[in-house]
Structure formats: C-alpha cells, structure tokens
C-alpha cells in the first residue's frame, strides 16, 4: 500500500504474485485420476523422469502422500513382480516411512521408491497368474484338495486317509520330490507362466 492509501499494481507486484506456479491439479476431480494414471504408467514404462514429474505434480497439488505410497506398492508387485521382488520391500518400507515422517520429507521417500520401481526389470507373471486362478475358481468345477495334502490333526482323520502318502520334500535329494499338488480336475493347469525376466521352478537335474 502506498503513502496515499491505495494499493498500486506494479510489474514487481505481478511478478511476485505469480512466482509460485500451481500445477493444474484438482485432487478431487478428473485431474486426480489422470495424474495418478500417468504416474503408474510411467513407472510401468520404465521412465523415472516422468514418474518423478507426476509424483511432484501430485504432491504440489495437495495429494495425500499415503495414497501415492500405496500406488507405488501396488505397482511394485503388479508391474515389477518376480523380475525384482525386492521392489515390494522397498515400496512397503517407503510407505511405512512416509507414515512415520510425513511431509515435506516424505517426498524423498516417495521419490526413491518410484524411481526404484521405474528402473526395475518388469514382469506381470504373478499378476496374470492369480487372475487366471481366480477366474478358474469362479467359473469351473475345480475339485477338492488331494487327500495327501490335507491336514490331519486327529487320529480319526488319519484313519480316513487324510495326509496319507504325503512326501516331505526336505527328506529328498535337492529338497524336491515329484508329487501331485493340484486337484485331479486341475492337473496340468499352468498359472505362473514365467517370462524372460522371471525365475523359473528349479528342479533337480535327473542323473
């Protein structure tokens, strides 16, 4: 305010008033969903710069840091999965730390987790596998648990055949033995189909 009692709008006043630009982000509107979608897809697409950009945009727009942390945890399992299981550990640790320390330091924890997920090798084999299994259980007659895999806490159940014939893998060379695990109706079904980034089941080489 000037000596004359009036507020004078000068170039300097305008410059100062717009110095801190706000991201075009409405955490309660469509931009909320668009931004988090872009962040997730940037991590999935292995672009750490874009992931950090959308993370920063969300934080500047007032997004809940715990919401962002939960999305990174989901991406660490859905999109990285067995290609780097440690990504889930990093993401969960970051989420717990965000809960403990809060903003503004939480931005550093979120950034580290988002970059780790974005730069990790990717595989959705576990994600696809559980979806296939759920679909089968919902749509098919999938049978009963094989008798040798059932629990037998009392003698009467043992007499009925519960747990009978179960082979304890650790009693065998290389801690592995062939036996049936799926119900009869589901024998041969594959749910976990590892891709080039995934570990496969390591069975002993027959000599």
Protein backbone atom coordinates (compact mmCIF):
# COMPACT_ATOMS: atom_id res chain seq x y z
CA UNK A 1 0.00 0.00 0.00
CA UNK A 2 1.33 3.44 -0.96
CA UNK A 3 1.53 6.58 1.13
CA UNK A 4 -1.67 7.74 -0.50
CA UNK A 5 -3.59 4.81 0.98
CA UNK A 6 -4.04 2.95 -2.32
CA UNK A 7 -2.58 -0.38 -3.46
CA UNK A 8 -0.58 0.15 -6.62
CA UNK A 9 -0.33 -2.85 -9.00
CA UNK A 10 3.15 -2.69 -10.44
CA UNK A 11 5.17 -5.11 -12.56
CA UNK A 12 7.01 -6.20 -9.39
CA UNK A 13 3.76 -6.97 -7.60
CA UNK A 14 2.55 -9.06 -10.53
CA UNK A 15 5.88 -10.89 -10.73
CA UNK A 16 5.80 -11.77 -7.03
CA UNK A 17 2.20 -12.90 -7.14
CA UNK A 18 2.84 -15.48 -9.88
CA UNK A 19 6.29 -16.57 -8.73
CA UNK A 20 4.96 -19.80 -7.27
CA UNK A 21 3.07 -21.52 -10.06
CA UNK A 22 0.45 -24.06 -9.11
CA UNK A 23 0.08 -27.24 -11.09
CA UNK A 24 -3.22 -27.67 -12.89
CA UNK A 25 -4.42 -30.34 -10.48
CA UNK A 26 -7.69 -30.88 -8.69
CA UNK A 27 -7.24 -33.70 -6.20
CA UNK A 28 -10.98 -34.21 -6.07
CA UNK A 29 -11.59 -34.09 -9.82
CA UNK A 30 -10.63 -35.77 -13.08
CA UNK A 31 -7.07 -34.47 -12.95
CA UNK A 32 -6.54 -36.57 -9.81
CA UNK A 33 -7.23 -39.75 -11.75
CA UNK A 34 -5.37 -38.64 -14.87
CA UNK A 35 -2.27 -37.74 -12.90
CA UNK A 36 -2.06 -40.94 -10.87
CA UNK A 37 -2.74 -42.95 -14.02
CA UNK A 38 0.16 -41.20 -15.75
CA UNK A 39 2.44 -41.79 -12.77
CA UNK A 40 1.65 -45.51 -12.65
CA UNK A 41 2.08 -45.91 -16.41
CA UNK A 42 5.37 -44.03 -16.28
CA UNK A 43 6.71 -46.45 -13.63
CA UNK A 44 5.40 -49.40 -15.65
CA UNK A 45 7.02 -47.97 -18.77
CA UNK A 46 10.41 -47.62 -17.04
CA UNK A 47 10.54 -43.81 -17.27
CA UNK A 48 11.81 -42.49 -13.90
CA UNK A 49 11.77 -38.86 -15.07
CA UNK A 50 8.09 -38.96 -15.94
CA UNK A 51 7.33 -40.84 -12.73
CA UNK A 52 9.02 -38.09 -10.71
CA UNK A 53 7.24 -35.38 -12.68
CA UNK A 54 3.77 -36.79 -11.96
CA UNK A 55 4.75 -37.52 -8.36
CA UNK A 56 5.83 -33.89 -7.92
CA UNK A 57 2.67 -32.64 -9.59
CA UNK A 58 0.56 -34.71 -7.22
CA UNK A 59 2.43 -33.51 -4.14
CA UNK A 60 2.25 -29.88 -5.21
CA UNK A 61 -1.46 -30.29 -5.80
CA UNK A 62 -2.02 -31.49 -2.24
CA UNK A 63 -2.37 -35.22 -2.89
CA UNK A 64 -2.26 -37.46 0.18
CA UNK A 65 1.30 -38.91 0.36
CA UNK A 66 -0.04 -42.21 1.72
CA UNK A 67 -2.28 -42.58 -1.32
CA UNK A 68 0.78 -42.16 -3.54
CA UNK A 69 2.75 -44.62 -1.42
CA UNK A 70 0.02 -47.24 -1.75
CA UNK A 71 0.00 -46.88 -5.53
CA UNK A 72 3.78 -47.40 -5.64
CA UNK A 73 3.39 -50.54 -3.51
CA UNK A 74 0.79 -51.91 -5.92
CA UNK A 75 2.99 -51.14 -8.95
CA UNK A 76 5.96 -52.82 -7.30
CA UNK A 77 4.07 -56.10 -7.24
CA UNK A 78 1.81 -55.82 -10.28
CA UNK A 79 4.37 -54.49 -12.73
CA UNK A 80 7.78 -55.49 -11.31
CA UNK A 81 6.78 -58.67 -9.54
CA UNK A 82 9.12 -61.63 -9.74
CA UNK A 83 11.52 -59.76 -12.02
CA UNK A 84 12.74 -57.97 -8.87
CA UNK A 85 10.84 -58.99 -5.71
CA UNK A 86 12.93 -56.53 -3.70
CA UNK A 87 10.89 -53.72 -5.26
CA UNK A 88 7.99 -54.68 -2.99
CA UNK A 89 10.27 -54.47 0.06
CA UNK A 90 11.47 -51.01 -0.98
CA UNK A 91 7.94 -49.78 -1.67
CA UNK A 92 6.48 -51.09 1.59
CA UNK A 93 9.40 -49.65 3.57
CA UNK A 94 8.84 -46.30 1.89
CA UNK A 95 5.12 -46.39 2.70
CA UNK A 96 5.83 -47.11 6.36
CA UNK A 97 8.44 -44.35 6.47
CA UNK A 98 6.04 -41.87 4.82
CA UNK A 99 3.52 -42.67 7.55
CA UNK A 100 6.13 -42.05 10.24
CA UNK A 101 7.77 -38.84 8.99
CA UNK A 102 5.11 -37.08 6.91
CA UNK A 103 5.69 -34.15 4.58
CA UNK A 104 7.83 -32.48 3.42
CA UNK A 105 10.46 -35.22 3.91
CA UNK A 106 8.04 -37.87 2.63
CA UNK A 107 8.67 -36.55 -0.88
CA UNK A 108 12.20 -38.01 -0.74
CA UNK A 109 10.96 -41.45 0.32
CA UNK A 110 8.29 -41.48 -2.36
CA UNK A 111 10.77 -40.39 -4.99
CA UNK A 112 13.22 -43.15 -4.10
CA UNK A 113 10.52 -45.82 -4.24
CA UNK A 114 9.05 -44.52 -7.50
CA UNK A 115 12.46 -44.41 -9.16
CA UNK A 116 13.29 -47.90 -7.90
CA UNK A 117 10.08 -49.30 -9.37
CA UNK A 118 10.55 -47.42 -12.64
CA UNK A 119 14.14 -48.63 -13.12
CA UNK A 120 13.50 -52.26 -12.13
CA UNK A 121 13.04 -55.03 -14.71
CA UNK A 122 9.38 -55.77 -15.23
CA UNK A 123 7.15 -58.83 -15.10
CA UNK A 124 3.42 -59.24 -14.55
CA UNK A 125 3.54 -63.06 -14.47
CA UNK A 126 2.31 -63.30 -10.86
CA UNK A 127 -0.44 -60.74 -11.51
CA UNK A 128 -1.67 -62.66 -14.54
CA UNK A 129 -1.34 -65.97 -12.69
CA UNK A 130 -3.58 -65.03 -9.78
CA UNK A 131 -6.16 -63.61 -12.19
CA UNK A 132 -6.22 -66.90 -14.11
CA UNK A 133 -6.60 -68.89 -10.90
CA UNK A 134 -9.42 -66.68 -9.61
CA UNK A 135 -11.23 -66.98 -12.95
CA UNK A 136 -10.97 -70.79 -12.87
CA UNK A 137 -12.27 -71.00 -9.31
CA UNK A 138 -15.19 -68.74 -10.21
CA UNK A 139 -16.10 -70.49 -13.45
CA UNK A 140 -15.07 -74.16 -13.19
CA UNK A 141 -15.53 -77.25 -11.08
CA UNK A 142 -12.04 -77.28 -9.63
CA UNK A 143 -12.30 -80.32 -7.36
CA UNK A 144 -11.16 -80.93 -3.81
CA UNK A 145 -7.80 -80.75 -2.06
CA UNK A 146 -5.97 -84.07 -2.63
CA UNK A 147 -6.10 -86.32 0.44
CA UNK A 148 -2.34 -86.45 0.93
CA UNK A 149 -2.20 -82.63 1.21
CA UNK A 150 -4.93 -82.35 3.80
CA UNK A 151 -4.37 -81.60 7.45
CA UNK A 152 -4.80 -84.49 9.89
CA UNK A 153 -4.72 -83.15 13.45
CA UNK A 154 -6.52 -86.17 14.98
CA UNK A 155 -6.11 -89.93 14.61
CA UNK A 156 -9.60 -90.40 13.20
CA UNK A 157 -8.77 -88.18 10.25
CA UNK A 158 -5.57 -90.12 9.61
CA UNK A 159 -7.60 -93.33 9.56
CA UNK A 160 -9.79 -91.78 6.86
CA UNK A 161 -6.73 -91.17 4.72
CA UNK A 162 -6.07 -87.53 5.49
CA UNK A 163 -2.37 -86.68 4.95
CA UNK A 164 -1.68 -90.27 3.96
CA UNK A 165 1.13 -90.67 1.44
CA UNK A 166 2.40 -87.11 1.65
CA UNK A 167 6.05 -86.83 0.62
CA UNK A 168 8.02 -84.26 2.63
CA UNK A 169 10.28 -82.57 0.03
CA UNK A 170 13.09 -81.89 2.52
CA UNK A 171 13.54 -85.62 3.01
CA UNK A 172 14.66 -86.00 -0.60
CA UNK A 173 17.81 -85.03 -2.52
CA UNK A 174 17.85 -81.35 -3.50
CA UNK A 175 14.74 -80.88 -1.31
CA UNK A 176 12.47 -81.84 -4.19
CA UNK A 177 10.20 -84.77 -4.99
CA UNK A 178 7.56 -85.26 -7.65
CA UNK A 179 4.01 -85.47 -6.31
CA UNK A 180 0.54 -84.16 -7.12
CA UNK A 181 -0.46 -80.80 -5.66
CA UNK A 182 -3.42 -79.67 -7.77
CA UNK A 183 -6.82 -81.38 -7.53
CA UNK A 184 -7.45 -84.14 -10.09
CA UNK A 185 -9.65 -81.83 -12.15
CA UNK A 186 -6.88 -79.24 -12.46
CA UNK A 187 -3.84 -81.41 -13.17
CA UNK A 188 -1.61 -79.82 -15.78
CA UNK A 189 -3.02 -76.31 -15.37
CA UNK A 190 -0.43 -73.54 -15.51
CA UNK A 191 -0.98 -70.26 -13.72
CA UNK A 192 2.51 -68.96 -13.16
CA UNK A 193 3.98 -68.63 -16.65
CA UNK A 194 7.39 -67.01 -16.18
CA UNK A 195 8.66 -64.62 -18.83
CA UNK A 196 12.25 -63.79 -19.69
CA UNK A 197 12.62 -61.64 -16.55
CA UNK A 198 11.23 -64.21 -14.11
CA UNK A 199 12.82 -67.03 -12.14
CA UNK A 200 11.58 -70.47 -13.10
CA UNK A 201 10.99 -73.50 -10.89
CA UNK A 202 14.38 -75.08 -10.29
CA UNK A 203 14.01 -78.86 -10.30
CA UNK A 204 17.00 -81.16 -9.76
CA UNK A 205 18.63 -82.48 -12.88
CA UNK A 206 17.97 -86.21 -13.22
CA UNK A 207 21.20 -88.19 -13.42
